[in-house]
C-alpha atoms as a PDB file:
ATOM      1  CA  MET A   1     127.326 109.687 103.231  1.00  0.00           C
ATOM      2  CA  ALA A   2     127.692 112.657 103.979  1.00  0.00           C
ATOM      3  CA  GLY A   3     129.032 114.023 107.330  1.00  0.00           C
ATOM      4  CA  ASP A   4     130.104 110.213 108.737  1.00  0.00           C
ATOM      5  CA  GLU A   5     133.894 109.766 108.068  1.00  0.00           C
ATOM      6  CA  THR A   6     133.398 106.114 109.767  1.00  0.00           C
ATOM      7  CA  ASP A   7     130.678 105.067 107.676  1.00  0.00           C
ATOM      8  CA  ALA A   8     132.630 106.005 104.420  1.00  0.00           C
ATOM      9  CA  LEU A   9     135.789 104.685 105.842  1.00  0.00           C
ATOM     10  CA  ILE A  10     134.280 101.115 106.383  1.00  0.00           C
ATOM     11  CA  LEU A  11     132.145 101.091 102.720  1.00  0.00           C
ATOM     12  CA  THR A  12     135.956 102.275 100.990  1.00  0.00           C
ATOM     13  CA  ILE A  13     137.408  99.453 103.045  1.00  0.00           C
ATOM     14  CA  PHE A  14     135.057  96.968 102.123  1.00  0.00           C
ATOM     15  CA  MET A  15     135.268  98.312  98.070  1.00  0.00           C
ATOM     16  CA  ARG A  16     139.002  98.247  98.386  1.00  0.00           C
ATOM     17  CA  ASP A  17     139.181  94.564 100.186  1.00  0.00           C
ATOM     18  CA  LEU A  18     136.751  93.356  97.531  1.00  0.00           C
ATOM     19  CA  SER A  19     138.761  95.042  94.686  1.00  0.00           C
ATOM     20  CA  ALA A  20     142.095  92.856  96.239  1.00  0.00           C
ATOM     21  CA  GLU A  21     140.084  89.664  96.876  1.00  0.00           C
ATOM     22  CA  TYR A  22     138.474  89.053  93.474  1.00  0.00           C
ATOM     23  CA  LYS A  23     141.139  90.691  91.345  1.00  0.00           C
ATOM     24  CA  ILE A  24     138.444  93.326  90.583  1.00  0.00           C
ATOM     25  CA  GLY A  25     138.264  96.598  89.583  1.00  0.00           C
ATOM     26  CA  THR A  26     136.238  99.047  91.664  1.00  0.00           C
ATOM     27  CA  SER A  27     134.823 102.653  91.980  1.00  0.00           C
ATOM     28  CA  ILE A  28     133.173 104.850  94.603  1.00  0.00           C
ATOM     29  CA  GLN A  29     131.910 107.877  93.372  1.00  0.00           C
ATOM     30  CA  ASP A  30     130.785 110.718  95.815  1.00  0.00           C
ATOM     31  CA  GLU A  31     130.730 114.658  96.190  1.00  0.00           C
ATOM     32  CA  ASP A  32     129.583 114.679 100.147  1.00  0.00           C
ATOM     33  CA  HIS A  33     132.383 111.717 100.586  1.00  0.00           C
ATOM     34  CA  PRO A  34     133.488 113.438 103.965  1.00  0.00           C
ATOM     35  CA  LEU A  35     137.152 111.780 103.981  1.00  0.00           C
ATOM     36  CA  ALA A  36     139.890 113.602 103.000  1.00  0.00           C
ATOM     37  CA  LYS A  37     138.305 115.141 100.011  1.00  0.00           C
ATOM     38  CA  LEU A  38     138.266 111.973  98.439  1.00  0.00           C
ATOM     39  CA  ARG A  39     134.855 112.617  96.045  1.00  0.00           C
ATOM     40  CA  ARG A  40     136.328 109.580  93.312  1.00  0.00           C
ATOM     41  CA  LEU A  41     138.099 106.111  94.126  1.00  0.00           C
ATOM     42  CA  ASP A  42     139.204 103.854  92.082  1.00  0.00           C
ATOM     43  CA  PHE A  43     140.824 100.252  93.354  1.00  0.00           C
ATOM     44  CA  ARG A  44     142.492  97.818  90.961  1.00  0.00           C
ATOM     45  CA  PHE A  45     143.616  94.813  92.928  1.00  0.00           C
ATOM     46  CA  GLY A  46     143.347  96.360  96.292  1.00  0.00           C
ATOM     47  CA  ARG A  47     145.236  99.385  95.471  1.00  0.00           C
ATOM     48  CA  LEU A  48     144.532 102.779  94.274  1.00  0.00           C
ATOM     49  CA  LEU A  49     145.195 104.008  90.254  1.00  0.00           C
ATOM     50  CA  SER A  50     148.322 106.012  91.632  1.00  0.00           C
ATOM     51  CA  GLY A  51     149.865 102.699  92.920  1.00  0.00           C
ATOM     52  CA  GLN A  52     149.578 103.894  96.540  1.00  0.00           C
ATOM     53  CA  SER A  53     147.385 102.013  99.121  1.00  0.00           C
ATOM     54  CA  LEU A  54     144.463 103.135 100.643  1.00  0.00           C
ATOM     55  CA  GLU A  55     146.392 103.439 104.053  1.00  0.00           C
ATOM     56  CA  ASP A  56     148.836 105.853 102.401  1.00  0.00           C
ATOM     57  CA  VAL A  57     146.326 108.467 101.441  1.00  0.00           C
ATOM     58  CA  LEU A  58     144.687 108.215 105.064  1.00  0.00           C
ATOM     59  CA  ALA A  59     147.815 107.989 107.102  1.00  0.00           C
ATOM     60  CA  LYS A  60     147.725 111.831 107.346  1.00  0.00           C
ATOM     61  CA  ARG A  61     145.294 112.288 109.302  1.00  0.00           C
ATOM     62  CA  PRO A  62     142.429 111.057 112.062  1.00  0.00           C
ATOM     63  CA  VAL A  63     139.113 109.977 111.118  1.00  0.00           C
ATOM     64  CA  ILE A  64     136.668 111.531 113.422  1.00  0.00           C
ATOM     65  CA  LYS A  65     133.352 110.214 114.660  1.00  0.00           C
ATOM     66  CA  LYS A  66     131.044 112.581 116.747  1.00  0.00           C
ATOM     67  CA  VAL A  67     128.764 110.456 118.774  1.00  0.00           C
ATOM     68  CA  GLU A  68     126.371 111.663 121.741  1.00  0.00           C
ATOM     69  CA  GLY A  69     128.978 115.407 121.561  1.00  0.00           C
ATOM     70  CA  GLU A  70     132.270 113.770 122.254  1.00  0.00           C
ATOM     71  CA  ARG A  71     134.285 112.971 119.357  1.00  0.00           C
ATOM     72  CA  ILE A  72     136.347 109.651 118.959  1.00  0.00           C
ATOM     73  CA  PHE A  73     138.948 109.625 116.895  1.00  0.00           C
ATOM     74  CA  PHE A  74     140.621 106.501 114.816  1.00  0.00           C
ATOM     75  CA  TYR A  75     143.988 106.400 113.627  1.00  0.00           C
ATOM     76  CA  PRO A  76     144.927 104.307 110.643  1.00  0.00           C
ATOM     77  CA  PRO A  77     148.383 101.807 111.172  1.00  0.00           C
ATOM     78  CA  THR A  78     150.371 103.478 109.033  1.00  0.00           C
ATOM     79  CA  PHE A  79     149.973 107.326 110.913  1.00  0.00           C
ATOM     80  CA  ARG A  80     152.531 108.580 113.207  1.00  0.00           C
ATOM     81  CA  LEU A  81     153.016 110.904 116.020  1.00  0.00           C
ATOM     82  CA  HIS A  82     155.452 111.791 114.919  1.00  0.00           C
ATOM     83  CA  SER A  83     158.058 111.067 112.552  1.00  0.00           C
ATOM     84  CA  MET A  84     160.286 108.797 114.216  1.00  0.00           C
ATOM     85  CA  SER A  85     157.426 106.503 115.946  1.00  0.00           C
ATOM     86  CA  PRO A  86     157.105 103.420 114.316  1.00  0.00           C
ATOM     87  CA  PRO A  87     153.762 102.254 112.419  1.00  0.00           C
ATOM     88  CA  SER A  88     151.442 100.577 114.289  1.00  0.00           C
ATOM     89  CA  PRO A  89     150.006  97.077 112.997  1.00  0.00           C
ATOM     90  CA  GLU A  90     146.675  98.131 114.187  1.00  0.00           C
ATOM     91  CA  TRP A  91     144.096 101.355 114.368  1.00  0.00           C
ATOM     92  CA  ALA A  92     144.486 103.307 117.063  1.00  0.00           C
ATOM     93  CA  TYR A  93     141.429 104.725 118.824  1.00  0.00           C
ATOM     94  CA  ALA A  94     141.387 107.821 120.799  1.00  0.00           C
ATOM     95  CA  LEU A  95     138.156 109.076 123.276  1.00  0.00           C
ATOM     96  CA  CYS A  96     137.760 111.006 127.412  1.00  0.00           C
ATOM     97  CA  GLY A  97     141.672 110.876 127.131  1.00  0.00           C
ATOM     98  CA  ILE A  98     141.718 107.066 126.709  1.00  0.00           C
ATOM     99  CA  ARG A  99     144.318 105.660 123.728  1.00  0.00           C
ATOM    100  CA  ALA A 100     143.897 102.313 122.660  1.00  0.00           C
ATOM    101  CA  TYR A 101     144.068  99.581 119.833  1.00  0.00           C
ATOM    102  CA  ALA A 102     142.210  97.284 117.644  1.00  0.00           C
ATOM    103  CA  PRO A 103     142.897  94.909 114.679  1.00  0.00           C
ATOM    104  CA  THR A 104     140.734  96.609 112.772  1.00  0.00           C
ATOM    105  CA  LEU A 105     138.825  99.704 112.212  1.00  0.00           C
ATOM    106  CA  LEU A 106     135.452  97.903 112.844  1.00  0.00           C
ATOM    107  CA  GLU A 107     136.648  96.395 116.189  1.00  0.00           C
ATOM    108  CA  ALA A 108     138.444  99.881 117.300  1.00  0.00           C
ATOM    109  CA  GLU A 109     134.514 101.418 116.525  1.00  0.00           C
ATOM    110  CA  GLN A 110     133.028  98.784 118.459  1.00  0.00           C
ATOM    111  CA  GLU A 111     135.166  99.124 121.545  1.00  0.00           C
ATOM    112  CA  ALA A 112     135.606 103.396 121.285  1.00  0.00           C
ATOM    113  CA  LEU A 113     131.409 103.143 121.748  1.00  0.00           C
ATOM    114  CA  LYS A 114     131.741 100.271 124.495  1.00  0.00           C
ATOM    115  CA  ILE A 115     133.846 102.640 126.502  1.00  0.00           C
ATOM    116  CA  LEU A 116     131.482 105.520 125.635  1.00  0.00           C
ATOM    117  CA  ARG A 117     128.383 103.818 126.711  1.00  0.00           C
ATOM    118  CA  GLY A 118     130.251 103.032 130.245  1.00  0.00           C
ATOM    119  CA  PHE A 119     131.370 106.213 130.910  1.00  0.00           C
ATOM    120  CA  GLY A 120     127.786 107.612 130.095  1.00  0.00           C
ATOM    121  CA  HIS A 121     126.569 104.554 133.102  1.00  0.00           C
ATOM    122  CA  LEU A 122     128.702 106.657 135.263  1.00  0.00           C
ATOM    123  CA  GLY A 123     127.225 109.949 134.342  1.00  0.00           C
ATOM    124  CA  ALA A 124     131.003 111.143 133.013  1.00  0.00           C
END
């Protein structure tokens, strides 16, 4: 998964959801995992072995995807711009000065790519 944070995150969320839904343990080990130096992740019943949720670990920073020279920032639901802001129930994403929200990371990525394509058609 070297380099692509969103692909790494989607696979990580899939493994977490699989662990939660089927009440099983899942593990990911990848020396090139680009997310916050998470080289090994173990999930039991949908949570990390430390008891934290995946979102708690990810809340410290946005996930960045580079497409066609532009950076798209994805913010997990627990991410806060400042300590007083409430957490959002949705994923936030930002690109080209636009910030919007979507229920899931996959939907946020899809919408962000649509916006980027739209700007491409406008010649921006």
